C-alpha cells in the first residue's frame, strides 16, 4: 500500500507480510498490523536499522511482535536458515556419487524440516 490506510487494509486480509526494503526504510508500524485477525507472521529481510517492520529485531526467530499474537522473523534469523539450507544441500550434492538435481522444492522441504 502507498499510505497507512492502504497498508492496514491489505494487512487485514494477509496471513504473512514479508518486507524487503532498501536499507533503513521503515515500511510497517505496529498500529498498521496489530489488529489484523488473519496476520500470523511478519518477516523483515533488511538488517540495517531501523527495521522495516516496527517491533521486529534482526535476530527475531518467531518472537511475538509487541503485544500481538503475530510472530516476527528478522533478517539475521532468516539469513541463518538460508545459509544452513544452501550449505547442507551443497554438501549433499558434493558427497553424491551420481549427479543430483536440487530445486527450490528441495530447499523448501529442507528449510521446513530444519527451521527451529
N, C-alpha and C. Protein backbone atom coordinates (compact mmCIF):
# COMPACT_ATOMS: atom_id res chain seq x y z
N UNK A 1 0.81 -1.19 0.00
CA UNK A 1 0.00 0.00 0.00
C UNK A 1 0.85 1.24 0.00
N UNK A 2 0.30 2.29 -0.55
CA UNK A 2 1.03 3.54 -0.68
C UNK A 2 0.83 4.47 0.51
N UNK A 3 -0.16 4.19 1.34
CA UNK A 3 -0.37 5.00 2.54
C UNK A 3 -0.78 4.10 3.69
N UNK A 4 -0.86 4.68 4.87
CA UNK A 4 -1.12 3.89 6.07
C UNK A 4 -2.45 3.13 5.99
N UNK A 5 -3.49 3.77 5.49
CA UNK A 5 -4.80 3.12 5.40
C UNK A 5 -4.77 1.96 4.41
N UNK A 6 -4.07 2.14 3.30
CA UNK A 6 -3.97 1.07 2.30
C UNK A 6 -3.18 -0.12 2.85
N UNK A 7 -2.11 0.17 3.59
CA UNK A 7 -1.33 -0.90 4.20
C UNK A 7 -2.17 -1.67 5.21
N UNK A 8 -2.89 -0.92 6.04
CA UNK A 8 -3.73 -1.55 7.07
C UNK A 8 -4.80 -2.43 6.42
N UNK A 9 -5.40 -1.97 5.33
CA UNK A 9 -6.43 -2.74 4.63
C UNK A 9 -5.84 -4.02 4.04
N UNK A 10 -4.66 -3.92 3.45
CA UNK A 10 -4.01 -5.11 2.87
C UNK A 10 -3.63 -6.11 3.96
N UNK A 11 -3.11 -5.61 5.07
CA UNK A 11 -2.68 -6.49 6.17
C UNK A 11 -3.86 -7.13 6.88
N UNK A 12 -5.02 -6.52 6.79
CA UNK A 12 -6.22 -7.10 7.41
C UNK A 12 -6.65 -8.38 6.71
N UNK A 13 -6.14 -8.60 5.48
CA UNK A 13 -6.51 -9.78 4.70
C UNK A 13 -5.34 -10.75 4.52
N UNK A 14 -4.16 -10.37 5.00
CA UNK A 14 -2.96 -11.17 4.77
C UNK A 14 -2.72 -12.18 5.88
N UNK A 15 -2.01 -13.24 5.55
CA UNK A 15 -1.55 -14.22 6.54
C UNK A 15 -0.09 -13.97 6.87
N UNK A 16 0.69 -13.58 5.86
CA UNK A 16 2.12 -13.31 6.02
C UNK A 16 2.45 -11.99 5.35
N UNK A 17 3.30 -11.19 6.01
CA UNK A 17 3.81 -9.96 5.41
C UNK A 17 5.33 -10.05 5.38
N UNK A 18 5.90 -9.96 4.19
CA UNK A 18 7.34 -10.00 4.01
C UNK A 18 7.80 -8.65 3.51
N UNK A 19 8.71 -8.02 4.22
CA UNK A 19 9.23 -6.72 3.81
C UNK A 19 10.67 -6.86 3.35
N UNK A 20 10.92 -6.46 2.12
CA UNK A 20 12.26 -6.43 1.54
C UNK A 20 12.47 -5.01 1.03
N UNK A 21 13.01 -4.16 1.89
CA UNK A 21 13.11 -2.74 1.60
C UNK A 21 14.56 -2.31 1.44
N UNK A 22 14.78 -1.12 0.91
CA UNK A 22 16.14 -0.57 0.95
C UNK A 22 16.58 -0.40 2.41
N UNK A 23 17.88 -0.38 2.62
CA UNK A 23 18.43 -0.26 3.97
C UNK A 23 17.85 0.94 4.72
N UNK A 24 17.41 0.69 5.95
CA UNK A 24 16.97 1.75 6.83
C UNK A 24 15.61 2.34 6.54
N UNK A 25 14.78 1.67 5.77
CA UNK A 25 13.45 2.19 5.43
C UNK A 25 12.39 1.44 6.22
N UNK A 26 11.65 2.15 7.05
CA UNK A 26 10.54 1.55 7.81
C UNK A 26 9.30 1.57 6.93
N UNK A 27 8.68 0.40 6.78
CA UNK A 27 7.50 0.26 5.93
C UNK A 27 6.23 0.04 6.74
N UNK A 28 6.36 -0.75 7.82
CA UNK A 28 5.17 -1.08 8.61
C UNK A 28 5.35 -0.68 10.07
N UNK A 29 4.35 0.01 10.59
CA UNK A 29 4.28 0.33 12.01
C UNK A 29 3.33 -0.67 12.67
N UNK A 30 3.57 -0.95 13.94
CA UNK A 30 2.74 -1.92 14.65
C UNK A 30 1.26 -1.60 14.53
N UNK A 31 0.90 -0.33 14.62
CA UNK A 31 -0.53 0.03 14.57
C UNK A 31 -1.17 -0.30 13.23
N UNK A 32 -0.37 -0.54 12.20
CA UNK A 32 -0.92 -0.90 10.90
C UNK A 32 -1.28 -2.38 10.81
N UNK A 33 -0.67 -3.22 11.65
CA UNK A 33 -0.94 -4.65 11.55
C UNK A 33 -1.40 -5.32 12.84
N UNK A 34 -1.31 -4.64 13.96
CA UNK A 34 -1.61 -5.26 15.25
C UNK A 34 -3.05 -5.76 15.37
N UNK A 35 -3.98 -5.13 14.70
CA UNK A 35 -5.39 -5.50 14.82
C UNK A 35 -5.85 -6.53 13.79
N UNK A 36 -4.94 -6.96 12.92
CA UNK A 36 -5.32 -7.94 11.90
C UNK A 36 -5.66 -9.27 12.55
N UNK A 37 -6.80 -9.83 12.17
CA UNK A 37 -7.20 -11.13 12.71
C UNK A 37 -6.66 -12.29 11.86
N UNK A 38 -6.11 -11.97 10.70
CA UNK A 38 -5.61 -13.01 9.80
C UNK A 38 -4.09 -13.11 9.78
N UNK A 39 -3.40 -12.03 10.10
CA UNK A 39 -1.95 -12.00 10.00
C UNK A 39 -1.30 -12.87 11.07
N UNK A 40 -0.46 -13.78 10.65
CA UNK A 40 0.21 -14.71 11.57
C UNK A 40 1.71 -14.44 11.68
N UNK A 41 2.32 -13.95 10.57
CA UNK A 41 3.77 -13.79 10.51
C UNK A 41 4.13 -12.50 9.80
N UNK A 42 5.12 -11.78 10.36
CA UNK A 42 5.75 -10.67 9.66
C UNK A 42 7.25 -10.98 9.59
N UNK A 43 7.85 -10.73 8.44
CA UNK A 43 9.27 -11.03 8.25
C UNK A 43 9.95 -9.85 7.58
N UNK A 44 11.13 -9.52 8.08
CA UNK A 44 11.89 -8.37 7.60
C UNK A 44 13.27 -8.86 7.16
N UNK A 45 13.59 -8.75 5.88
CA UNK A 45 14.88 -9.23 5.39
C UNK A 45 15.96 -8.15 5.36
N UNK A 46 15.65 -6.97 5.86
CA UNK A 46 16.61 -5.87 5.91
C UNK A 46 17.27 -5.84 7.29
N UNK A 47 18.59 -5.96 7.34
CA UNK A 47 19.30 -5.99 8.62
C UNK A 47 19.79 -4.61 9.08
N UNK A 48 19.59 -3.58 8.27
CA UNK A 48 20.08 -2.24 8.61
C UNK A 48 18.99 -1.46 9.35
N UNK A 49 19.31 -0.93 10.54
CA UNK A 49 18.32 -0.15 11.30
C UNK A 49 17.93 1.12 10.55
N UNK A 50 16.71 1.59 10.77
CA UNK A 50 15.67 0.94 11.56
C UNK A 50 15.07 -0.24 10.79
N UNK A 51 14.46 -1.15 11.51
CA UNK A 51 13.84 -2.31 10.86
C UNK A 51 12.72 -1.84 9.94
N UNK A 52 12.44 -2.64 8.92
CA UNK A 52 11.35 -2.31 8.02
C UNK A 52 10.00 -2.48 8.70
N UNK A 53 9.97 -3.33 9.75
CA UNK A 53 8.74 -3.61 10.49
C UNK A 53 8.97 -3.24 11.95
N UNK A 54 8.21 -2.30 12.43
CA UNK A 54 8.35 -1.88 13.83
C UNK A 54 8.16 -3.08 14.76
N UNK A 55 9.08 -3.23 15.70
CA UNK A 55 8.98 -4.29 16.69
C UNK A 55 9.67 -5.59 16.32
N UNK A 56 10.23 -5.67 15.11
CA UNK A 56 10.91 -6.90 14.69
C UNK A 56 12.42 -6.67 14.75
N UNK A 57 13.08 -7.37 15.65
CA UNK A 57 14.53 -7.30 15.81
C UNK A 57 15.20 -8.16 14.74
N UNK A 58 16.42 -7.81 14.35
CA UNK A 58 17.11 -8.58 13.31
C UNK A 58 17.32 -10.04 13.69
N UNK A 59 17.36 -10.33 14.99
CA UNK A 59 17.56 -11.71 15.46
C UNK A 59 16.25 -12.43 15.77
N UNK A 60 15.12 -11.76 15.61
CA UNK A 60 13.82 -12.37 15.94
C UNK A 60 13.63 -13.66 15.16
N UNK A 61 13.25 -14.70 15.88
CA UNK A 61 13.08 -16.01 15.26
C UNK A 61 11.74 -16.60 15.70
N UNK A 62 10.68 -15.86 15.40
CA UNK A 62 9.34 -16.29 15.79
C UNK A 62 8.84 -15.60 17.04
N UNK A 63 9.58 -14.63 17.52
CA UNK A 63 9.19 -13.86 18.69
C UNK A 63 7.91 -13.08 18.39
N UNK A 64 6.98 -13.06 19.35
CA UNK A 64 5.76 -12.28 19.15
C UNK A 64 6.11 -10.80 19.10
N UNK A 65 5.48 -10.08 18.18
CA UNK A 65 5.76 -8.67 17.97
C UNK A 65 4.89 -7.84 18.91
N UNK A 66 5.54 -7.06 19.76
CA UNK A 66 4.81 -6.19 20.69
C UNK A 66 3.82 -6.98 21.52
N UNK A 67 2.61 -6.46 21.64
CA UNK A 67 1.54 -7.13 22.39
C UNK A 67 0.59 -7.88 21.46
N UNK A 68 1.11 -8.36 20.34
CA UNK A 68 0.29 -9.08 19.36
C UNK A 68 0.51 -10.58 19.48
N UNK A 69 -0.23 -11.32 18.72
CA UNK A 69 -0.02 -12.77 18.59
C UNK A 69 0.62 -13.08 17.23
N UNK A 70 1.31 -12.09 16.68
CA UNK A 70 1.94 -12.21 15.37
C UNK A 70 3.43 -12.51 15.55
N UNK A 71 3.90 -13.58 14.92
CA UNK A 71 5.30 -13.97 15.02
C UNK A 71 6.15 -13.12 14.09
N UNK A 72 7.27 -12.65 14.61
CA UNK A 72 8.19 -11.84 13.82
C UNK A 72 9.49 -12.57 13.54
N UNK A 73 9.98 -12.41 12.32
CA UNK A 73 11.25 -13.01 11.92
C UNK A 73 12.14 -11.91 11.35
N UNK A 74 13.36 -11.80 11.89
CA UNK A 74 14.29 -10.78 11.45
C UNK A 74 15.28 -11.30 10.42
N UNK A 75 16.00 -10.35 9.84
CA UNK A 75 16.90 -10.66 8.73
C UNK A 75 17.98 -11.67 9.08
N UNK A 76 18.56 -11.58 10.27
CA UNK A 76 19.65 -12.50 10.60
C UNK A 76 19.15 -13.90 10.89
N UNK A 77 17.97 -14.03 11.45
CA UNK A 77 17.38 -15.36 11.66
C UNK A 77 17.02 -15.99 10.31
N UNK A 78 16.46 -15.19 9.42
CA UNK A 78 16.13 -15.68 8.07
C UNK A 78 17.42 -16.06 7.33
N UNK A 79 18.42 -15.20 7.42
CA UNK A 79 19.69 -15.44 6.75
C UNK A 79 20.40 -16.69 7.24
N UNK A 80 20.29 -16.97 8.54
CA UNK A 80 20.92 -18.16 9.09
C UNK A 80 20.30 -19.43 8.50
N UNK A 81 18.98 -19.48 8.44
CA UNK A 81 18.31 -20.65 7.86
C UNK A 81 18.66 -20.78 6.37
N UNK A 82 18.71 -19.66 5.68
CA UNK A 82 19.07 -19.67 4.26
C UNK A 82 20.49 -20.22 4.07
N UNK A 83 21.42 -19.76 4.89
CA UNK A 83 22.80 -20.22 4.79
C UNK A 83 22.91 -21.72 5.07
N UNK A 84 22.29 -22.17 6.15
CA UNK A 84 22.35 -23.59 6.51
C UNK A 84 21.75 -24.44 5.39
N UNK A 85 20.62 -24.00 4.85
CA UNK A 85 19.96 -24.74 3.77
C UNK A 85 20.88 -24.85 2.55
N UNK A 86 21.45 -23.73 2.12
CA UNK A 86 22.35 -23.75 0.96
C UNK A 86 23.56 -24.65 1.22
N UNK A 87 24.15 -24.50 2.38
CA UNK A 87 25.36 -25.25 2.71
C UNK A 87 25.10 -26.76 2.75
N UNK A 88 24.04 -27.16 3.41
CA UNK A 88 23.74 -28.60 3.54
C UNK A 88 23.36 -29.21 2.20
N UNK A 89 22.61 -28.47 1.38
CA UNK A 89 22.26 -29.00 0.06
C UNK A 89 23.50 -29.11 -0.83
N UNK A 90 24.41 -28.16 -0.72
CA UNK A 90 25.66 -28.25 -1.48
C UNK A 90 26.48 -29.44 -1.01
N UNK A 91 26.55 -29.66 0.30
CA UNK A 91 27.26 -30.84 0.83
C UNK A 91 26.64 -32.13 0.29
N UNK A 92 25.33 -32.17 0.24
CA UNK A 92 24.64 -33.36 -0.27
C UNK A 92 25.02 -33.60 -1.73
N UNK A 93 25.07 -32.54 -2.52
CA UNK A 93 25.44 -32.67 -3.92
C UNK A 93 26.88 -33.14 -4.08
N UNK A 94 27.78 -32.55 -3.30
CA UNK A 94 29.20 -32.87 -3.43
C UNK A 94 29.53 -34.28 -2.95
N UNK A 95 28.76 -34.80 -2.02
CA UNK A 95 29.04 -36.13 -1.49
C UNK A 95 28.36 -37.25 -2.28
N UNK A 96 27.54 -36.89 -3.24
CA UNK A 96 26.83 -37.89 -4.03
C UNK A 96 27.74 -38.47 -5.12
N UNK A 97 27.58 -39.76 -5.36
CA UNK A 97 28.34 -40.41 -6.43
C UNK A 97 27.67 -40.24 -7.79
N UNK A 98 26.44 -39.79 -7.78
CA UNK A 98 25.70 -39.58 -9.03
C UNK A 98 25.26 -38.12 -9.10
N UNK A 99 25.13 -37.59 -10.32
CA UNK A 99 24.66 -36.21 -10.45
C UNK A 99 23.29 -36.04 -9.78
N UNK A 100 23.10 -34.90 -9.16
CA UNK A 100 21.84 -34.61 -8.47
C UNK A 100 21.23 -33.33 -9.03
N UNK A 101 19.92 -33.32 -9.08
CA UNK A 101 19.19 -32.11 -9.43
C UNK A 101 18.45 -31.66 -8.16
N UNK A 102 18.79 -30.48 -7.68
CA UNK A 102 18.13 -29.93 -6.50
C UNK A 102 17.47 -28.62 -6.92
N UNK A 103 16.20 -28.48 -6.59
CA UNK A 103 15.49 -27.26 -6.95
C UNK A 103 14.89 -26.62 -5.70
N UNK A 104 14.06 -25.61 -5.92
CA UNK A 104 13.51 -24.87 -4.78
C UNK A 104 12.59 -25.73 -3.92
N UNK A 105 12.00 -26.78 -4.49
CA UNK A 105 11.18 -27.69 -3.67
C UNK A 105 12.05 -28.38 -2.62
N UNK A 106 13.23 -28.82 -3.05
CA UNK A 106 14.16 -29.47 -2.13
C UNK A 106 14.61 -28.49 -1.05
N UNK A 107 14.93 -27.27 -1.46
CA UNK A 107 15.36 -26.26 -0.50
C UNK A 107 14.24 -25.94 0.49
N UNK A 108 13.02 -25.82 -0.01
CA UNK A 108 11.88 -25.54 0.86
C UNK A 108 11.66 -26.68 1.86
N UNK A 109 11.67 -27.91 1.37
CA UNK A 109 11.48 -29.07 2.25
C UNK A 109 12.56 -29.13 3.32
N UNK A 110 13.82 -28.91 2.91
CA UNK A 110 14.92 -28.94 3.87
C UNK A 110 14.75 -27.83 4.90
N UNK A 111 14.45 -26.62 4.44
CA UNK A 111 14.30 -25.49 5.36
C UNK A 111 13.16 -25.73 6.35
N UNK A 112 12.05 -26.26 5.87
CA UNK A 112 10.92 -26.55 6.77
C UNK A 112 11.30 -27.58 7.82
N UNK A 113 12.03 -28.60 7.41
CA UNK A 113 12.42 -29.66 8.33
C UNK A 113 13.46 -29.19 9.34
N UNK A 114 14.21 -28.14 9.01
CA UNK A 114 15.29 -27.69 9.87
C UNK A 114 15.05 -26.35 10.54
N UNK A 115 13.90 -25.75 10.31
CA UNK A 115 13.57 -24.48 10.98
C UNK A 115 13.33 -24.76 12.45
N UNK A 116 13.81 -23.87 13.29
CA UNK A 116 13.66 -24.07 14.74
C UNK A 116 12.57 -23.19 15.28
